[in-house]
Every structure is written in C-alpha cells, then in structure tokens.
Amino acid sequence: MGYPLGFIALWTNSFFASGLDKELMEQSFPSILMTYLLLGVTIGVLISLNEAQFKKLQEFVKDINKEAQVKEEKESRVRI
C-alpha cells in the first residue's frame, strides 16, 4: 500500500510544483521515477526471495523434528 502511495506523492509533487521547484522537477522527474520504480522492483524481489527462504527453513525444521522423533522412538525401543 505504501509503494503506490509514494508514487502518487511523487507525481503530485511534480504536478503541483511551482517556480524553481517546477523547473527542477521537470528536469529530474524521469530520473527520480526510474529510481523509484527500480527500487520497488528490487524490494519486491528481495521480499519474494525472503519468503521462499523462510518456507525452506520451515521445511528443514520440520524434517529435523521428524528425524529427532524417529531417533527417539528407536532409542526407546532399544531400551525395552
């Protein structure tokens, strides 16, 4: 939600700028917009990779717990 609102704020700022600010925004708006879009893509990719890594970590923890439970059951059978 914040990313689209930031884009709207950038666009609104460039649209309502006046005087020297307007000239500066007209010159630098394409660069600012490209930087903002590339940052959004980069953050999106990082979030996606983080979610995938977290899912794999959860699977790893489940596998370790299952292995520990199986090992514990085997040891309890040997004791009997």
PDB file of N, CA and C in Angstrom:
ATOM      1  N   MET A   1       0.815  -1.181   0.000  1.00  0.00           N
ATOM      2  CA  MET A   1       0.000   0.000   0.000  1.00  0.00           C
ATOM      3  C   MET A   1       0.869   1.258   0.000  1.00  0.00           C
ATOM      4  N   GLY A   2       1.969   1.223   0.691  1.00  0.00           N
ATOM      5  CA  GLY A   2       2.828   2.393   0.784  1.00  0.00           C
ATOM      6  C   GLY A   2       3.539   2.730  -0.512  1.00  0.00           C
ATOM      7  N   TYR A   3       3.891   1.702  -1.292  1.00  0.00           N
ATOM      8  CA  TYR A   3       4.611   1.942  -2.541  1.00  0.00           C
ATOM      9  C   TYR A   3       3.758   2.727  -3.533  1.00  0.00           C
ATOM     10  N   PRO A   4       2.514   2.318  -3.796  1.00  0.00           N
ATOM     11  CA  PRO A   4       1.690   3.122  -4.706  1.00  0.00           C
ATOM     12  C   PRO A   4       1.415   4.535  -4.180  1.00  0.00           C
ATOM     13  N   LEU A   5       1.260   4.663  -2.882  1.00  0.00           N
ATOM     14  CA  LEU A   5       1.041   5.997  -2.316  1.00  0.00           C
ATOM     15  C   LEU A   5       2.275   6.877  -2.487  1.00  0.00           C
ATOM     16  N   GLY A   6       3.440   6.287  -2.388  1.00  0.00           N
ATOM     17  CA  GLY A   6       4.674   7.036  -2.638  1.00  0.00           C
ATOM     18  C   GLY A   6       4.763   7.511  -4.074  1.00  0.00           C
ATOM     19  N   PHE A   7       4.335   6.640  -5.005  1.00  0.00           N
ATOM     20  CA  PHE A   7       4.312   7.029  -6.413  1.00  0.00           C
ATOM     21  C   PHE A   7       3.342   8.188  -6.635  1.00  0.00           C
ATOM     22  N   ILE A   8       2.179   8.100  -6.014  1.00  0.00           N
ATOM     23  CA  ILE A   8       1.186   9.182  -6.137  1.00  0.00           C
ATOM     24  C   ILE A   8       1.751  10.478  -5.552  1.00  0.00           C
ATOM     25  N   ALA A   9       2.459  10.388  -4.455  1.00  0.00           N
ATOM     26  CA  ALA A   9       3.059  11.577  -3.844  1.00  0.00           C
ATOM     27  C   ALA A   9       4.115  12.194  -4.771  1.00  0.00           C
ATOM     28  N   LEU A  10       4.935  11.350  -5.409  1.00  0.00           N
ATOM     29  CA  LEU A  10       5.928  11.864  -6.356  1.00  0.00           C
ATOM     30  C   LEU A  10       5.254  12.586  -7.512  1.00  0.00           C
ATOM     31  N   TRP A  11       4.244  11.948  -8.068  1.00  0.00           N
ATOM     32  CA  TRP A  11       3.543  12.527  -9.212  1.00  0.00           C
ATOM     33  C   TRP A  11       2.851  13.831  -8.813  1.00  0.00           C
ATOM     34  N   THR A  12       2.202  13.824  -7.666  1.00  0.00           N
ATOM     35  CA  THR A  12       1.509  15.027  -7.194  1.00  0.00           C
ATOM     36  C   THR A  12       2.504  16.162  -6.945  1.00  0.00           C
ATOM     37  N   ASN A  13       3.630  15.826  -6.377  1.00  0.00           N
ATOM     38  CA  ASN A  13       4.658  16.831  -6.109  1.00  0.00           C
ATOM     39  C   ASN A  13       5.166  17.448  -7.410  1.00  0.00           C
ATOM     40  N   SER A  14       5.375  16.625  -8.422  1.00  0.00           N
ATOM     41  CA  SER A  14       5.855  17.160  -9.698  1.00  0.00           C
ATOM     42  C   SER A  14       4.771  17.973 -10.400  1.00  0.00           C
ATOM     43  N   PHE A  15       3.524  17.608 -10.222  1.00  0.00           N
ATOM     44  CA  PHE A  15       2.414  18.291 -10.888  1.00  0.00           C
ATOM     45  C   PHE A  15       2.132  19.653 -10.264  1.00  0.00           C
ATOM     46  N   PHE A  16       2.224  19.751  -8.945  1.00  0.00           N
ATOM     47  CA  PHE A  16       1.882  20.988  -8.253  1.00  0.00           C
ATOM     48  C   PHE A  16       3.088  21.855  -7.900  1.00  0.00           C
ATOM     49  N   ALA A  17       4.274  21.482  -8.358  1.00  0.00           N
ATOM     50  CA  ALA A  17       5.465  22.288  -8.065  1.00  0.00           C
ATOM     51  C   ALA A  17       5.349  23.629  -8.789  1.00  0.00           C
ATOM     52  N   SER A  18       5.975  24.646  -8.208  1.00  0.00           N
ATOM     53  CA  SER A  18       5.914  25.972  -8.832  1.00  0.00           C
ATOM     54  C   SER A  18       7.287  26.625  -8.790  1.00  0.00           C
ATOM     55  N   GLY A  19       7.515  27.569  -9.691  1.00  0.00           N
ATOM     56  CA  GLY A  19       8.754  28.333  -9.716  1.00  0.00           C
ATOM     57  C   GLY A  19       9.962  27.477 -10.018  1.00  0.00           C
ATOM     58  N   LEU A  20      10.997  27.696  -9.235  1.00  0.00           N
ATOM     59  CA  LEU A  20      12.253  26.975  -9.417  1.00  0.00           C
ATOM     60  C   LEU A  20      12.069  25.477  -9.177  1.00  0.00           C
ATOM     61  N   ASP A  21      11.203  25.120  -8.218  1.00  0.00           N
ATOM     62  CA  ASP A  21      10.938  23.708  -7.938  1.00  0.00           C
ATOM     63  C   ASP A  21      10.340  23.009  -9.150  1.00  0.00           C
ATOM     64  N   LYS A  22       9.484  23.710  -9.889  1.00  0.00           N
ATOM     65  CA  LYS A  22       8.856  23.115 -11.067  1.00  0.00           C
ATOM     66  C   LYS A  22       9.908  22.799 -12.133  1.00  0.00           C
ATOM     67  N   GLU A  23      10.813  23.731 -12.344  1.00  0.00           N
ATOM     68  CA  GLU A  23      11.874  23.519 -13.329  1.00  0.00           C
ATOM     69  C   GLU A  23      12.761  22.347 -12.913  1.00  0.00           C
ATOM     70  N   LEU A  24      13.104  22.309 -11.657  1.00  0.00           N
ATOM     71  CA  LEU A  24      13.933  21.212 -11.141  1.00  0.00           C
ATOM     72  C   LEU A  24      13.211  19.879 -11.271  1.00  0.00           C
ATOM     73  N   MET A  25      11.929  19.838 -10.936  1.00  0.00           N
ATOM     74  CA  MET A  25      11.153  18.594 -11.044  1.00  0.00           C
ATOM     75  C   MET A  25      11.015  18.154 -12.496  1.00  0.00           C
ATOM     76  N   GLU A  26      10.823  19.096 -13.417  1.00  0.00           N
ATOM     77  CA  GLU A  26      10.710  18.736 -14.830  1.00  0.00           C
ATOM     78  C   GLU A  26      12.002  18.101 -15.332  1.00  0.00           C
ATOM     79  N   GLN A  27      13.127  18.595 -14.866  1.00  0.00           N
ATOM     80  CA  GLN A  27      14.412  18.056 -15.303  1.00  0.00           C
ATOM     81  C   GLN A  27      14.720  16.710 -14.667  1.00  0.00           C
ATOM     82  N   SER A  28      14.407  16.568 -13.399  1.00  0.00           N
ATOM     83  CA  SER A  28      14.842  15.359 -12.685  1.00  0.00           C
ATOM     84  C   SER A  28      13.736  14.330 -12.482  1.00  0.00           C
ATOM     85  N   PHE A  29      12.500  14.630 -12.848  1.00  0.00           N
ATOM     86  CA  PHE A  29      11.407  13.684 -12.590  1.00  0.00           C
ATOM     87  C   PHE A  29      11.612  12.327 -13.265  1.00  0.00           C
ATOM     88  N   PRO A  30      12.048  12.277 -14.542  1.00  0.00           N
ATOM     89  CA  PRO A  30      12.264  10.941 -15.138  1.00  0.00           C
ATOM     90  C   PRO A  30      13.298  10.106 -14.370  1.00  0.00           C
ATOM     91  N   SER A  31      14.365  10.744 -13.935  1.00  0.00           N
ATOM     92  CA  SER A  31      15.392  10.018 -13.166  1.00  0.00           C
ATOM     93  C   SER A  31      14.852   9.560 -11.826  1.00  0.00           C
ATOM     94  N   ILE A  32      14.118  10.439 -11.164  1.00  0.00           N
ATOM     95  CA  ILE A  32      13.539  10.093  -9.870  1.00  0.00           C
ATOM     96  C   ILE A  32      12.544   8.950 -10.027  1.00  0.00           C
ATOM     97  N   LEU A  33      11.710   9.031 -11.053  1.00  0.00           N
ATOM     98  CA  LEU A  33      10.709   7.995 -11.291  1.00  0.00           C
ATOM     99  C   LEU A  33      11.370   6.654 -11.601  1.00  0.00           C
ATOM    100  N   MET A  34      12.400   6.653 -12.443  1.00  0.00           N
ATOM    101  CA  MET A  34      13.101   5.407 -12.785  1.00  0.00           C
ATOM    102  C   MET A  34      13.752   4.807 -11.543  1.00  0.00           C
ATOM    103  N   THR A  35      14.378   5.643 -10.731  1.00  0.00           N
ATOM    104  CA  THR A  35      14.998   5.160  -9.494  1.00  0.00           C
ATOM    105  C   THR A  35      13.950   4.568  -8.569  1.00  0.00           C
ATOM    106  N   TYR A  36      12.807   5.236  -8.450  1.00  0.00           N
ATOM    107  CA  TYR A  36      11.734   4.752  -7.579  1.00  0.00           C
ATOM    108  C   TYR A  36      11.200   3.408  -8.075  1.00  0.00           C
ATOM    109  N   LEU A  37      11.000   3.285  -9.379  1.00  0.00           N
ATOM    110  CA  LEU A  37      10.494   2.024  -9.931  1.00  0.00           C
ATOM    111  C   LEU A  37      11.501   0.889  -9.755  1.00  0.00           C
ATOM    112  N   LEU A  38      12.780   1.160 -10.005  1.00  0.00           N
ATOM    113  CA  LEU A  38      13.804   0.123  -9.837  1.00  0.00           C
ATOM    114  C   LEU A  38      13.937  -0.304  -8.371  1.00  0.00           C
ATOM    115  N   LEU A  39      13.825   0.658  -7.463  1.00  0.00           N
ATOM    116  CA  LEU A  39      13.845   0.306  -6.041  1.00  0.00           C
ATOM    117  C   LEU A  39      12.656  -0.576  -5.679  1.00  0.00           C
ATOM    118  N   GLY A  40      11.498  -0.276  -6.239  1.00  0.00           N
ATOM    119  CA  GLY A  40      10.310  -1.091  -5.986  1.00  0.00           C
ATOM    120  C   GLY A  40      10.485  -2.509  -6.481  1.00  0.00           C
ATOM    121  N   VAL A  41      11.061  -2.658  -7.678  1.00  0.00           N
ATOM    122  CA  VAL A  41      11.305  -3.999  -8.216  1.00  0.00           C
ATOM    123  C   VAL A  41      12.311  -4.740  -7.352  1.00  0.00           C
ATOM    124  N   THR A  42      13.373  -4.059  -6.963  1.00  0.00           N
ATOM    125  CA  THR A  42      14.399  -4.684  -6.121  1.00  0.00           C
ATOM    126  C   THR A  42      13.816  -5.135  -4.787  1.00  0.00           C
ATOM    127  N   ILE A  43      13.040  -4.296  -4.171  1.00  0.00           N
ATOM    128  CA  ILE A  43      12.425  -4.656  -2.890  1.00  0.00           C
ATOM    129  C   ILE A  43      11.453  -5.822  -3.076  1.00  0.00           C
ATOM    130  N   GLY A  44      10.695  -5.814  -4.168  1.00  0.00           N
ATOM    131  CA  GLY A  44       9.778  -6.921  -4.445  1.00  0.00           C
ATOM    132  C   GLY A  44      10.510  -8.246  -4.602  1.00  0.00           C
ATOM    133  N   VAL A  45      11.636  -8.222  -5.314  1.00  0.00           N
ATOM    134  CA  VAL A  45      12.438  -9.441  -5.490  1.00  0.00           C
ATOM    135  C   VAL A  45      13.000  -9.905  -4.159  1.00  0.00           C
ATOM    136  N   LEU A  46      13.504  -8.980  -3.354  1.00  0.00           N
ATOM    137  CA  LEU A  46      14.051  -9.354  -2.047  1.00  0.00           C
ATOM    138  C   LEU A  46      12.986  -9.955  -1.142  1.00  0.00           C
ATOM    139  N   ILE A  47      11.801  -9.390  -1.160  1.00  0.00           N
ATOM    140  CA  ILE A  47      10.716  -9.938  -0.343  1.00  0.00           C
ATOM    141  C   ILE A  47      10.356 -11.339  -0.815  1.00  0.00           C
ATOM    142  N   SER A  48      10.299 -11.527  -2.122  1.00  0.00           N
ATOM    143  CA  SER A  48       9.980 -12.845  -2.674  1.00  0.00           C
ATOM    144  C   SER A  48      11.035 -13.884  -2.287  1.00  0.00           C
ATOM    145  N   LEU A  49      12.305 -13.514  -2.415  1.00  0.00           N
ATOM    146  CA  LEU A  49      13.380 -14.433  -2.036  1.00  0.00           C
ATOM    147  C   LEU A  49      13.348 -14.743  -0.546  1.00  0.00           C
ATOM    148  N   ASN A  50      13.035 -13.753   0.263  1.00  0.00           N
ATOM    149  CA  ASN A  50      12.960 -13.948   1.706  1.00  0.00           C
ATOM    150  C   ASN A  50      11.837 -14.926   2.052  1.00  0.00           C
ATOM    151  N   GLU A  51      10.692 -14.780   1.404  1.00  0.00           N
ATOM    152  CA  GLU A  51       9.575 -15.690   1.667  1.00  0.00           C
ATOM    153  C   GLU A  51       9.931 -17.125   1.269  1.00  0.00           C
ATOM    154  N   ALA A  52      10.595 -17.288   0.121  1.00  0.00           N
ATOM    155  CA  ALA A  52      10.991 -18.626  -0.318  1.00  0.00           C
ATOM    156  C   ALA A  52      12.000 -19.237   0.649  1.00  0.00           C
ATOM    157  N   GLN A  53      12.951 -18.446   1.108  1.00  0.00           N
ATOM    158  CA  GLN A  53      13.944 -18.941   2.051  1.00  0.00           C
ATOM    159  C   GLN A  53      13.288 -19.330   3.377  1.00  0.00           C
ATOM    160  N   PHE A  54      12.330 -18.551   3.825  1.00  0.00           N
ATOM    161  CA  PHE A  54      11.644 -18.852   5.077  1.00  0.00           C
ATOM    162  C   PHE A  54      10.860 -20.156   4.968  1.00  0.00           C
ATOM    163  N   LYS A  55      10.203 -20.400   3.832  1.00  0.00           N
ATOM    164  CA  LYS A  55       9.470 -21.651   3.636  1.00  0.00           C
ATOM    165  C   LYS A  55      10.424 -22.846   3.668  1.00  0.00           C
ATOM    166  N   LYS A  56      11.583 -22.708   3.015  1.00  0.00           N
ATOM    167  CA  LYS A  56      12.558 -23.802   3.036  1.00  0.00           C
ATOM    168  C   LYS A  56      13.086 -24.041   4.447  1.00  0.00           C
ATOM    169  N   LEU A  57      13.278 -22.965   5.195  1.00  0.00           N
ATOM    170  CA  LEU A  57      13.740 -23.099   6.576  1.00  0.00           C
ATOM    171  C   LEU A  57      12.696 -23.811   7.420  1.00  0.00           C
ATOM    172  N   GLN A  58      11.422 -23.504   7.224  1.00  0.00           N
ATOM    173  CA  GLN A  58      10.358 -24.192   7.955  1.00  0.00           C
ATOM    174  C   GLN A  58      10.342 -25.680   7.613  1.00  0.00           C
ATOM    175  N   GLU A  59      10.500 -26.017   6.331  1.00  0.00           N
ATOM    176  CA  GLU A  59      10.557 -27.426   5.930  1.00  0.00           C
ATOM    177  C   GLU A  59      11.746 -28.120   6.577  1.00  0.00           C
ATOM    178  N   PHE A  60      12.886 -27.443   6.623  1.00  0.00           N
ATOM    179  CA  PHE A  60      14.083 -28.013   7.228  1.00  0.00           C
ATOM    180  C   PHE A  60      13.862 -28.303   8.707  1.00  0.00           C
ATOM    181  N   VAL A  61      13.233 -27.371   9.410  1.00  0.00           N
ATOM    182  CA  VAL A  61      12.961 -27.556  10.839  1.00  0.00           C
ATOM    183  C   VAL A  61      11.990 -28.723  11.041  1.00  0.00           C
ATOM    184  N   LYS A  62      10.971 -28.842  10.198  1.00  0.00           N
ATOM    185  CA  LYS A  62      10.035 -29.960  10.293  1.00  0.00           C
ATOM    186  C   LYS A  62      10.753 -31.289  10.080  1.00  0.00           C
ATOM    187  N   ASP A  63      11.645 -31.328   9.075  1.00  0.00           N
ATOM    188  CA  ASP A  63      12.397 -32.565   8.809  1.00  0.00           C
ATOM    189  C   ASP A  63      13.294 -32.922   9.987  1.00  0.00           C
ATOM    190  N   ILE A  64      13.950 -31.938  10.559  1.00  0.00           N
ATOM    191  CA  ILE A  64      14.827 -32.195  11.710  1.00  0.00           C
ATOM    192  C   ILE A  64      14.005 -32.724  12.884  1.00  0.00           C
ATOM    193  N   ASN A  65      12.827 -32.130  13.124  1.00  0.00           N
ATOM    194  CA  ASN A  65      11.980 -32.596  14.222  1.00  0.00           C
ATOM    195  C   ASN A  65      11.492 -34.021  13.985  1.00  0.00           C
ATOM    196  N   LYS A  66      11.146 -34.340  12.745  1.00  0.00           N
ATOM    197  CA  LYS A  66      10.717 -35.707  12.435  1.00  0.00           C
ATOM    198  C   LYS A  66      11.850 -36.693  12.652  1.00  0.00           C
ATOM    199  N   GLU A  67      13.043 -36.332  12.203  1.00  0.00           N
ATOM    200  CA  GLU A  67      14.198 -37.210  12.387  1.00  0.00           C
ATOM    201  C   GLU A  67      14.499 -37.414  13.872  1.00  0.00           C
ATOM    202  N   ALA A  68      14.394 -36.362  14.641  1.00  0.00           N
ATOM    203  CA  ALA A  68      14.648 -36.469  16.077  1.00  0.00           C
ATOM    204  C   ALA A  68      13.605 -37.354  16.741  1.00  0.00           C
ATOM    205  N   GLN A  69      12.358 -37.241  16.311  1.00  0.00           N
ATOM    206  CA  GLN A  69      11.288 -38.061  16.871  1.00  0.00           C
ATOM    207  C   GLN A  69      11.494 -39.534  16.509  1.00  0.00           C
ATOM    208  N   VAL A  70      11.887 -39.809  15.269  1.00  0.00           N
ATOM    209  CA  VAL A  70      12.142 -41.193  14.854  1.00  0.00           C
ATOM    210  C   VAL A  70      13.316 -41.762  15.636  1.00  0.00           C
ATOM    211  N   LYS A  71      14.363 -40.973  15.799  1.00  0.00           N
ATOM    212  CA  LYS A  71      15.531 -41.429  16.551  1.00  0.00           C
ATOM    213  C   LYS A  71      15.171 -41.707  18.005  1.00  0.00           C
ATOM    214  N   GLU A  72      14.340 -40.853  18.575  1.00  0.00           N
ATOM    215  CA  GLU A  72      13.905 -41.032  19.958  1.00  0.00           C
ATOM    216  C   GLU A  72      13.087 -42.312  20.115  1.00  0.00           C
ATOM    217  N   GLU A  73      12.210 -42.574  19.148  1.00  0.00           N
ATOM    218  CA  GLU A  73      11.403 -43.799  19.183  1.00  0.00           C
ATOM    219  C   GLU A  73      12.288 -45.042  19.065  1.00  0.00           C
ATOM    220  N   LYS A  74      13.284 -44.983  18.206  1.00  0.00           N
ATOM    221  CA  LYS A  74      14.206 -46.116  18.076  1.00  0.00           C
ATOM    222  C   LYS A  74      14.960 -46.372  19.364  1.00  0.00           C
ATOM    223  N   GLU A  75      15.422 -45.300  20.013  1.00  0.00           N
ATOM    224  CA  GLU A  75      16.144 -45.449  21.259  1.00  0.00           C
ATOM    225  C   GLU A  75      15.248 -45.997  22.366  1.00  0.00           C
ATOM    226  N   SER A  76      13.997 -45.597  22.387  1.00  0.00           N
ATOM    227  CA  SER A  76      13.087 -46.116  23.405  1.00  0.00           C
ATOM    228  C   SER A  76      12.793 -47.592  23.163  1.00  0.00           C
ATOM    229  N   ARG A  77      12.755 -48.028  21.925  1.00  0.00           N
ATOM    230  CA  ARG A  77      12.548 -49.450  21.611  1.00  0.00           C
ATOM    231  C   ARG A  77      13.740 -50.283  22.026  1.00  0.00           C
ATOM    232  N   VAL A  78      14.938 -49.730  21.849  1.00  0.00           N
ATOM    233  CA  VAL A  78      16.163 -50.449  22.210  1.00  0.00           C
ATOM    234  C   VAL A  78      16.232 -50.619  23.720  1.00  0.00           C
ATOM    235  N   ARG A  79      15.779 -49.660  24.495  1.00  0.00           N
ATOM    236  CA  ARG A  79      15.827 -49.718  25.944  1.00  0.00           C
ATOM    237  C   ARG A  79      14.891 -50.804  26.464  1.00  0.00           C
ATOM    238  N   ILE A  80      13.820 -51.037  25.770  1.00  0.00           N
ATOM    239  CA  ILE A  80      12.853 -52.035  26.232  1.00  0.00           C
ATOM    240  C   ILE A  80      13.365 -53.377  25.957  1.00  0.00           C
TER     241      ILE A  80
END
